[in-house]
Protein backbone atom coordinates (compact mmCIF):
# COMPACT_ATOMS: atom_id res chain seq x y z
CA UNK A 1 49.07 120.36 99.66
CA UNK A 2 52.28 120.77 101.68
CA UNK A 3 50.41 120.45 104.98
CA UNK A 4 48.68 117.30 103.77
CA UNK A 5 51.97 115.77 102.65
CA UNK A 6 53.63 116.53 105.97
CA UNK A 7 50.81 114.76 107.76
CA UNK A 8 50.68 111.72 105.48
CA UNK A 9 54.42 110.95 105.32
CA UNK A 10 54.89 110.38 109.08
CA UNK A 11 51.79 108.17 109.07
CA UNK A 12 53.19 106.08 106.20
CA UNK A 13 56.55 105.78 107.95
CA UNK A 14 54.79 104.69 111.13
CA UNK A 15 52.82 102.04 109.21
CA UNK A 16 55.92 100.69 107.46
CA UNK A 17 57.85 100.52 110.73
CA UNK A 18 55.08 98.61 112.50
CA UNK A 19 54.29 96.39 109.50
CA UNK A 20 56.85 93.83 110.58
CA UNK A 21 55.16 93.43 113.95
CA UNK A 22 51.79 93.07 112.22
CA UNK A 23 53.15 90.32 109.97
CA UNK A 24 54.70 88.55 112.94
CA UNK A 25 51.39 88.63 114.79
CA UNK A 26 49.46 87.34 111.75
CA UNK A 27 51.92 84.47 111.12
CA UNK A 28 51.99 83.45 114.78
CA UNK A 29 48.17 83.53 115.06
CA UNK A 30 47.69 81.56 111.81
CA UNK A 31 50.19 78.89 112.92
CA UNK A 32 48.49 78.56 116.32
CA UNK A 33 45.09 78.40 114.59
CA UNK A 34 46.32 75.58 112.34
CA UNK A 35 47.50 73.52 115.30
CA UNK A 36 44.08 74.01 116.95
CA UNK A 37 42.29 72.74 113.85
CA UNK A 38 44.92 70.09 113.03
CA UNK A 39 46.45 68.96 116.35
CA UNK A 40 49.69 67.03 116.23
CA UNK A 41 49.73 63.41 117.38
CA UNK A 42 53.38 63.30 118.46
CA UNK A 43 55.42 65.19 121.03
CA UNK A 44 58.19 65.79 118.49
CA UNK A 45 55.89 67.78 116.21
CA UNK A 46 54.41 69.70 119.14
CA UNK A 47 57.89 70.64 120.34
CA UNK A 48 58.86 71.84 116.84
CA UNK A 49 55.67 73.91 116.67
CA UNK A 50 56.51 75.63 119.97
CA UNK A 51 60.05 76.41 118.79
CA UNK A 52 58.70 77.58 115.43
CA UNK A 53 56.14 79.98 116.97
CA UNK A 54 58.70 81.33 119.45
CA UNK A 55 61.15 82.03 116.60
CA UNK A 56 58.38 83.84 114.66
CA UNK A 57 57.62 86.04 117.66
CA UNK A 58 61.29 86.90 118.20
CA UNK A 59 61.94 87.53 114.48
CA UNK A 60 62.16 91.37 114.71
CA UNK A 61 64.72 91.08 117.51
CA UNK A 62 67.06 88.44 116.05
CA UNK A 63 66.11 88.06 112.38
CA UNK A 64 69.02 85.92 111.15
CA UNK A 65 69.02 83.48 114.08
CA UNK A 66 65.23 83.14 114.07
CA UNK A 67 65.15 82.63 110.28
CA UNK A 68 67.55 79.70 110.56
CA UNK A 69 65.51 78.20 113.43
CA UNK A 70 62.29 78.48 111.40
CA UNK A 71 63.91 76.88 108.33
CA UNK A 72 65.32 74.12 110.54
CA UNK A 73 61.90 73.31 112.07
CA UNK A 74 60.29 73.38 108.63
CA UNK A 75 62.84 70.97 107.14
CA UNK A 76 62.62 68.59 110.12
CA UNK A 77 58.83 68.46 109.88
CA UNK A 78 59.09 67.68 106.16
CA UNK A 79 61.48 64.80 106.81
CA UNK A 80 59.60 63.09 109.66
CA UNK A 81 56.38 61.12 109.02
CA UNK A 82 53.22 63.23 108.88
CA UNK A 83 51.37 63.00 112.21
CA UNK A 84 49.27 66.15 111.88
CA UNK A 85 50.08 69.64 113.07
CA UNK A 86 50.37 72.97 111.24
CA UNK A 87 51.90 73.46 107.80
CA UNK A 88 54.69 75.77 109.06
CA UNK A 89 54.20 77.76 105.84
CA UNK A 90 53.24 81.09 107.42
CA UNK A 91 56.38 81.35 109.50
CA UNK A 92 58.50 80.04 106.61
CA UNK A 93 57.18 82.71 104.22
CA UNK A 94 57.91 85.38 106.81
CA UNK A 95 61.41 84.00 107.37
CA UNK A 96 62.09 83.99 103.61
CA UNK A 97 61.05 87.64 103.44
CA UNK A 98 63.38 88.48 106.31
CA UNK A 99 66.17 86.49 104.65
CA UNK A 100 65.82 88.59 101.48
CA UNK A 101 65.74 91.76 103.57
CA UNK A 102 68.63 91.10 105.94
CA UNK A 103 71.06 88.82 104.08
CA UNK A 104 73.10 90.92 101.65
CA UNK A 105 75.17 88.07 100.20
CA UNK A 106 74.04 86.15 97.11
CA UNK A 107 74.26 83.02 99.26
CA UNK A 108 70.87 84.08 100.62
CA UNK A 109 69.35 82.64 97.43
CA UNK A 110 70.09 79.20 98.86
CA UNK A 111 67.31 79.62 101.44
CA UNK A 112 64.31 79.65 99.05
CA UNK A 113 65.90 76.94 96.87
CA UNK A 114 66.62 74.66 99.85
CA UNK A 115 63.16 75.13 101.39
CA UNK A 116 61.44 74.62 98.03
CA UNK A 117 63.42 71.44 97.26
CA UNK A 118 62.62 69.90 100.66
CA UNK A 119 58.93 70.78 100.33
CA UNK A 120 58.79 69.39 96.76
CA UNK A 121 60.44 66.19 97.93
CA UNK A 122 57.78 65.81 100.62
CA UNK A 123 54.97 66.47 98.17
CA UNK A 124 56.37 63.88 95.77
CA UNK A 125 56.78 61.38 98.62
CA UNK A 126 53.11 61.92 99.52
CA UNK A 127 52.07 61.48 95.88
CA UNK A 128 50.89 65.06 95.34
CA UNK A 129 50.81 66.17 91.69
CA UNK A 130 53.19 68.98 90.71
CA UNK A 131 50.41 71.22 89.37
CA UNK A 132 48.80 71.20 92.82
CA UNK A 133 51.80 72.59 94.70
CA UNK A 134 53.46 74.68 91.97
CA UNK A 135 51.94 77.97 93.19
CA UNK A 136 52.88 77.14 96.78
CA UNK A 137 56.53 76.77 95.78
CA UNK A 138 56.34 79.95 93.72
CA UNK A 139 55.10 81.88 96.76
CA UNK A 140 58.29 80.93 98.60
CA UNK A 141 60.44 82.66 95.98
CA UNK A 142 57.99 85.55 95.86
CA UNK A 143 58.33 86.10 99.62
CA UNK A 144 62.11 86.10 99.36
CA UNK A 145 62.18 88.66 96.53
CA UNK A 146 59.66 90.89 98.31
CA UNK A 147 62.15 91.12 101.17
CA UNK A 148 64.99 91.68 98.71
CA UNK A 149 63.02 94.53 97.11
CA UNK A 150 62.69 96.27 100.45
CA UNK A 151 66.42 95.72 101.01
CA UNK A 152 67.21 97.39 97.67
CA UNK A 153 65.00 100.33 98.62
CA UNK A 154 66.82 100.64 101.94
CA UNK A 155 70.13 100.48 100.09
CA UNK A 156 69.02 103.21 97.67
CA UNK A 157 67.90 105.39 100.57
CA UNK A 158 71.20 104.75 102.36
CA UNK A 159 73.16 105.65 99.22
CA UNK A 160 71.18 108.88 98.95
CA UNK A 161 71.96 109.72 102.57
CA UNK A 162 75.63 108.89 102.04
CA UNK A 163 75.69 111.17 99.01
CA UNK A 164 74.21 114.01 101.06
CA UNK A 165 76.75 113.37 103.84
CA UNK A 166 79.56 113.35 101.26
CA UNK A 167 78.35 116.66 99.80
CA UNK A 168 78.18 118.22 103.27
CA UNK A 169 81.61 116.82 104.11
CA UNK A 170 83.01 118.18 100.84
CA UNK A 171 81.57 121.58 101.63
CA UNK A 172 83.10 121.43 105.10
CA UNK A 173 86.48 120.41 103.70
CA UNK A 174 86.32 123.23 101.17
CA UNK A 175 85.44 125.63 103.97
CA UNK A 176 88.42 124.43 106.02
CA UNK A 177 90.66 124.70 102.96
CA UNK A 178 89.58 128.29 102.43
CA UNK A 179 90.12 129.02 106.11
CA UNK A 180 93.65 127.66 105.86
CA UNK A 181 94.37 129.63 102.68
CA UNK A 182 92.94 132.80 104.22
CA UNK A 183 94.99 132.36 107.39
CA UNK A 184 98.17 131.80 105.39
CA UNK A 185 97.49 134.72 103.04
CA UNK A 186 96.65 137.10 105.86
CA UNK A 187 99.79 136.15 107.75
CA UNK A 188 102.05 136.39 104.70
CA UNK A 189 100.59 139.56 103.20
CA UNK A 190 99.75 141.49 106.34
CA UNK A 191 102.08 140.25 109.07
CA UNK A 192 105.04 139.78 106.72
CA UNK A 193 104.72 143.12 104.93
CA UNK A 194 103.95 145.01 108.12
CA UNK A 195 107.08 143.52 109.67
CA UNK A 196 109.09 144.74 106.65
CA UNK A 197 107.54 148.19 106.97
CA UNK A 198 108.20 148.35 110.70
CA UNK A 199 111.89 147.55 110.16
CA UNK A 200 112.14 150.12 107.36
CA UNK A 201 110.41 152.75 109.45
CA UNK A 202 112.78 152.03 112.33
CA UNK A 203 115.64 152.76 109.96
CA UNK A 204 113.96 155.91 108.71
CA UNK A 205 113.41 157.13 112.25
CA UNK A 206 117.07 156.61 113.10
CA UNK A 207 118.16 158.40 109.92
CA UNK A 208 115.75 161.23 110.60
CA UNK A 209 117.09 161.66 114.10
CA UNK A 210 120.62 161.92 112.73
CA UNK A 211 120.16 163.75 109.43
CA UNK A 212 116.69 165.26 109.86
CA UNK A 213 115.82 163.96 106.35
CA UNK A 214 114.02 161.01 104.80
CA UNK A 215 115.39 158.86 102.00
CA UNK A 216 112.99 159.02 99.04
CA UNK A 217 113.89 155.48 97.94
CA UNK A 218 113.01 154.04 101.31
CA UNK A 219 109.74 155.97 101.37
CA UNK A 220 108.85 154.48 97.99
CA UNK A 221 109.66 150.99 99.28
CA UNK A 222 107.33 151.48 102.22
CA UNK A 223 104.61 152.76 99.89
CA UNK A 224 105.09 149.73 97.58
CA UNK A 225 104.68 147.40 100.51
CA UNK A 226 101.52 149.23 101.59
CA UNK A 227 100.04 148.88 98.08
CA UNK A 228 101.00 145.20 97.95
CA UNK A 229 99.40 144.59 101.34
CA UNK A 230 96.21 146.36 100.28
CA UNK A 231 96.04 144.24 97.13
CA UNK A 232 96.47 141.04 99.12
CA UNK A 233 93.84 142.12 101.62
CA UNK A 234 91.34 142.75 98.82
CA UNK A 235 92.12 139.29 97.46
CA UNK A 236 91.65 137.71 100.90
CA UNK A 237 88.35 139.51 101.44
CA UNK A 238 87.17 138.31 98.03
CA UNK A 239 88.17 134.75 98.97
CA UNK A 240 86.23 134.96 102.23
CA UNK A 241 83.20 136.11 100.24
CA UNK A 242 83.33 133.02 98.05
CA UNK A 243 85.65 134.26 95.34
CA UNK A 244 88.69 132.56 93.89
CA UNK A 245 92.03 132.30 95.62
CA UNK A 246 93.94 134.19 92.92
CA UNK A 247 95.00 137.80 93.29
CA UNK A 248 96.13 140.39 90.78
CA UNK A 249 99.76 139.59 91.54
CA UNK A 250 99.23 135.90 90.86
CA UNK A 251 98.97 136.40 87.10
CA UNK A 252 101.52 134.41 85.10
CA UNK A 253 102.80 132.88 88.32
CA UNK A 254 105.46 130.22 87.77
CA UNK A 255 108.48 129.10 89.69
CA UNK A 256 110.71 130.77 87.10
CA UNK A 257 109.80 134.06 88.79
CA UNK A 258 111.22 132.80 92.07
CA UNK A 259 114.68 133.94 90.95
CA UNK A 260 113.45 137.54 90.96
CA UNK A 261 112.00 137.05 94.43
CA UNK A 262 115.37 135.76 95.60
CA UNK A 263 117.19 138.79 94.18
CA UNK A 264 114.72 141.14 95.83
CA UNK A 265 115.02 139.28 99.14
CA UNK A 266 118.82 139.43 99.05
CA UNK A 267 118.70 143.13 98.21
CA UNK A 268 116.32 143.87 101.04
CA UNK A 269 118.30 141.89 103.60
CA UNK A 270 121.50 143.53 102.44
CA UNK A 271 119.99 146.94 103.11
CA UNK A 272 119.17 145.77 106.61
CA UNK A 273 122.81 144.79 107.16
CA UNK A 274 122.61 141.01 106.62
CA UNK A 275 125.25 139.11 104.67
CA UNK A 276 124.31 136.12 102.58
CA UNK A 277 123.14 134.73 99.30
CA UNK A 278 120.13 132.97 97.86
CA UNK A 279 120.69 130.19 95.33
CA UNK A 280 117.69 129.02 93.32
CA UNK A 281 117.96 126.24 90.75
CA UNK A 282 114.54 125.22 89.50
CA UNK A 283 113.21 123.93 86.21
CA UNK A 284 111.23 126.48 84.24
CA UNK A 285 107.84 124.77 84.09
CA UNK A 286 104.73 126.71 83.16
CA UNK A 287 102.17 124.00 83.90
CA UNK A 288 102.53 123.89 87.67
CA UNK A 289 99.45 124.14 89.82
CA UNK A 290 98.75 127.83 90.59
CA UNK A 291 98.01 127.19 94.26
CA UNK A 292 101.20 125.14 94.54
CA UNK A 293 103.31 127.93 92.99
CA UNK A 294 101.68 130.47 95.28
CA UNK A 295 102.52 128.37 98.34
CA UNK A 296 106.17 128.10 97.28
CA UNK A 297 106.38 131.86 96.75
CA UNK A 298 104.71 132.42 100.11
CA UNK A 299 107.14 130.03 101.84
CA UNK A 300 110.19 131.88 100.46
CA UNK A 301 108.72 135.23 101.50
CA UNK A 302 108.14 133.86 105.01
CA UNK A 303 111.75 132.66 105.24
CA UNK A 304 113.02 136.14 104.32
CA UNK A 305 110.68 137.63 106.91
CA UNK A 306 112.03 135.29 109.59
CA UNK A 307 115.61 136.24 108.74
CA UNK A 308 114.81 139.96 108.88
CA UNK A 309 112.82 139.76 112.10
CA UNK A 310 114.60 137.03 114.09
CA UNK A 311 118.08 136.95 112.57
CA UNK A 312 121.14 138.42 114.18
CA UNK A 313 121.68 142.00 112.90
CA UNK A 314 124.66 141.98 110.55
CA UNK A 315 124.73 138.19 110.64
CA UNK A 316 124.99 135.70 107.80
CA UNK A 317 122.33 133.61 106.09
CA UNK A 318 121.99 131.10 103.28
CA UNK A 319 118.88 130.10 101.36
CA UNK A 320 119.01 127.30 98.79
CA UNK A 321 116.04 126.18 96.68
CA UNK A 322 116.54 123.48 94.05
CA UNK A 323 114.67 120.78 92.17
CA UNK A 324 116.49 117.49 92.47
CA UNK A 325 116.33 114.43 90.21
CA UNK A 326 113.99 112.78 92.71
CA UNK A 327 111.24 115.19 91.57
CA UNK A 328 111.25 116.85 94.97
CA UNK A 329 111.77 120.52 95.68
CA UNK A 330 114.42 121.04 98.37
CA UNK A 331 114.41 124.17 100.51
CA UNK A 332 117.29 124.65 102.94
CA UNK A 333 117.85 127.83 104.94
CA UNK A 334 120.24 128.77 107.75
CA UNK A 335 120.93 132.06 109.47
CA UNK A 336 122.68 133.42 112.55
CA UNK A 337 120.55 134.16 115.57
CA UNK A 338 121.12 136.18 118.73
CA UNK A 339 119.20 137.73 121.57
CA UNK A 340 119.17 141.03 119.67
CA UNK A 341 117.22 141.54 116.43
CA UNK A 342 115.82 144.36 114.31
CA UNK A 343 112.25 143.96 115.53
CA UNK A 344 112.38 143.03 119.23
CA UNK A 345 108.82 144.14 120.01
CA UNK A 346 107.17 142.16 117.20
CA UNK A 347 104.18 140.14 118.49
CA UNK A 348 104.90 136.42 118.20
CA UNK A 349 102.03 134.38 116.75
CA UNK A 350 103.84 131.10 116.12
CA UNK A 351 101.64 130.52 113.07
CA UNK A 352 103.79 131.89 110.25
CA UNK A 353 106.15 129.11 109.29
CA UNK A 354 104.03 126.46 110.99
CA UNK A 355 101.22 127.02 108.47
CA UNK A 356 103.66 126.37 105.62
CA UNK A 357 105.05 123.29 107.34
CA UNK A 358 101.52 121.99 107.77
CA UNK A 359 100.87 122.49 104.05
CA UNK A 360 104.13 120.71 103.16
CA UNK A 361 103.14 117.69 105.25
CA UNK A 362 99.61 117.70 103.76
CA UNK A 363 101.00 117.11 100.25
CA UNK A 364 103.31 114.32 101.40
CA UNK A 365 106.42 116.38 102.08
CA UNK A 366 108.82 116.73 104.99
CA UNK A 367 109.79 119.83 106.94
CA UNK A 368 111.70 120.47 110.16
CA UNK A 369 113.44 123.29 112.01
CA UNK A 370 116.36 123.22 114.42
CA UNK A 371 118.54 125.63 116.35
CA UNK A 372 122.09 124.95 117.50
CA UNK A 373 125.38 126.79 118.03
CA UNK A 374 123.87 130.21 117.31
CA UNK A 375 122.33 129.16 114.00
CA UNK A 376 118.73 128.51 113.04
CA UNK A 377 118.01 125.97 110.28
CA UNK A 378 115.04 125.04 108.13
CA UNK A 379 114.92 121.98 105.86
CA UNK A 380 112.00 120.92 103.66
CA UNK A 381 111.36 118.38 100.90
CA UNK A 382 108.04 118.22 99.06
CA UNK A 383 106.72 116.85 95.76
CA UNK A 384 105.82 118.97 92.74
CA UNK A 385 102.11 119.35 91.92
CA UNK A 386 101.23 119.88 88.27
CA UNK A 387 98.16 121.75 87.08
CA UNK A 388 96.49 118.61 85.70
CA UNK A 389 96.58 116.92 89.11
CA UNK A 390 93.30 116.86 90.95
CA UNK A 391 95.02 117.22 94.35
CA UNK A 392 95.26 120.81 95.45
CA UNK A 393 97.34 121.88 98.39
CA UNK A 394 95.34 122.81 101.44
């Protein structure tokens, strides 16, 4: 059955495609046959016949122009005195079908009405009874609606194709979104935590060289970072396999927990010798979008990482996060910079903060960085996304 269907469908498509040329040939031959049986007595009619037949032949190439030419020749022949010649009906029926097929506007209905009225006027002028030409007029409307039916079928097929394209595009967008989330999560969880661990280990190595001992607290901090990184990596792998974007540490995530992150960040930077303070003033809302909250947490973590890795050892920093009355979250950060830092051999990817800035711009926010007079600055403004919003940050 499948083999038979595969063979029949291309044949049907071929027939439908070439049907228009078959109809053009039939209409042109029938019009020429009529003029052979009923020759015209005047040059005007003969000229109109030639134009009419030429328009019928060229109909597949220029349907709208040829339709109007055919209707024009038909109306002119109805208005001039009858001196023989063809009826012009074959080409007119074909033109009405093309008008229904190609003209999308409702103004296309004027074509069958105008042609029918002119033809009825001529019949009445010639004294023909209405019951004798009623079916002929009805065929004109029938031809138009046959073309309109094919147009509706084409429209339905086009809508189906557009739906398939939309589904494929949605899948592609979702794939790109996951790629972006994965890239950001990998950078924040792996690169950020590994940078922290490298700095801590550098400190441990220096202490070990001096005191020949290891600080148990610092060892526990390194171990905690290793466990956190492993958890994030499992979450990222699950995301790449089609899972959700949440991780175990994302439970009960809200911006109210950002204060704890700030305290931990200040404590960590203080241990590394930095001087500064984080000020966070945010409304305690529980119904924020989870992905939005995660991105804000990730951004703050990345800022602390940048200070630890690129900041001037023993230098000052400031990090301010607040929710203003304009319903925008403001993030402002500044720290001292110098040619020396705690992690001079860290590979530079250039993708850490840039990924977050790209996300901020994607939700309609603003972000920029600058460096002047030995200080590096970051400023960002972005709208709040609630959980009921359909828009999800990319």
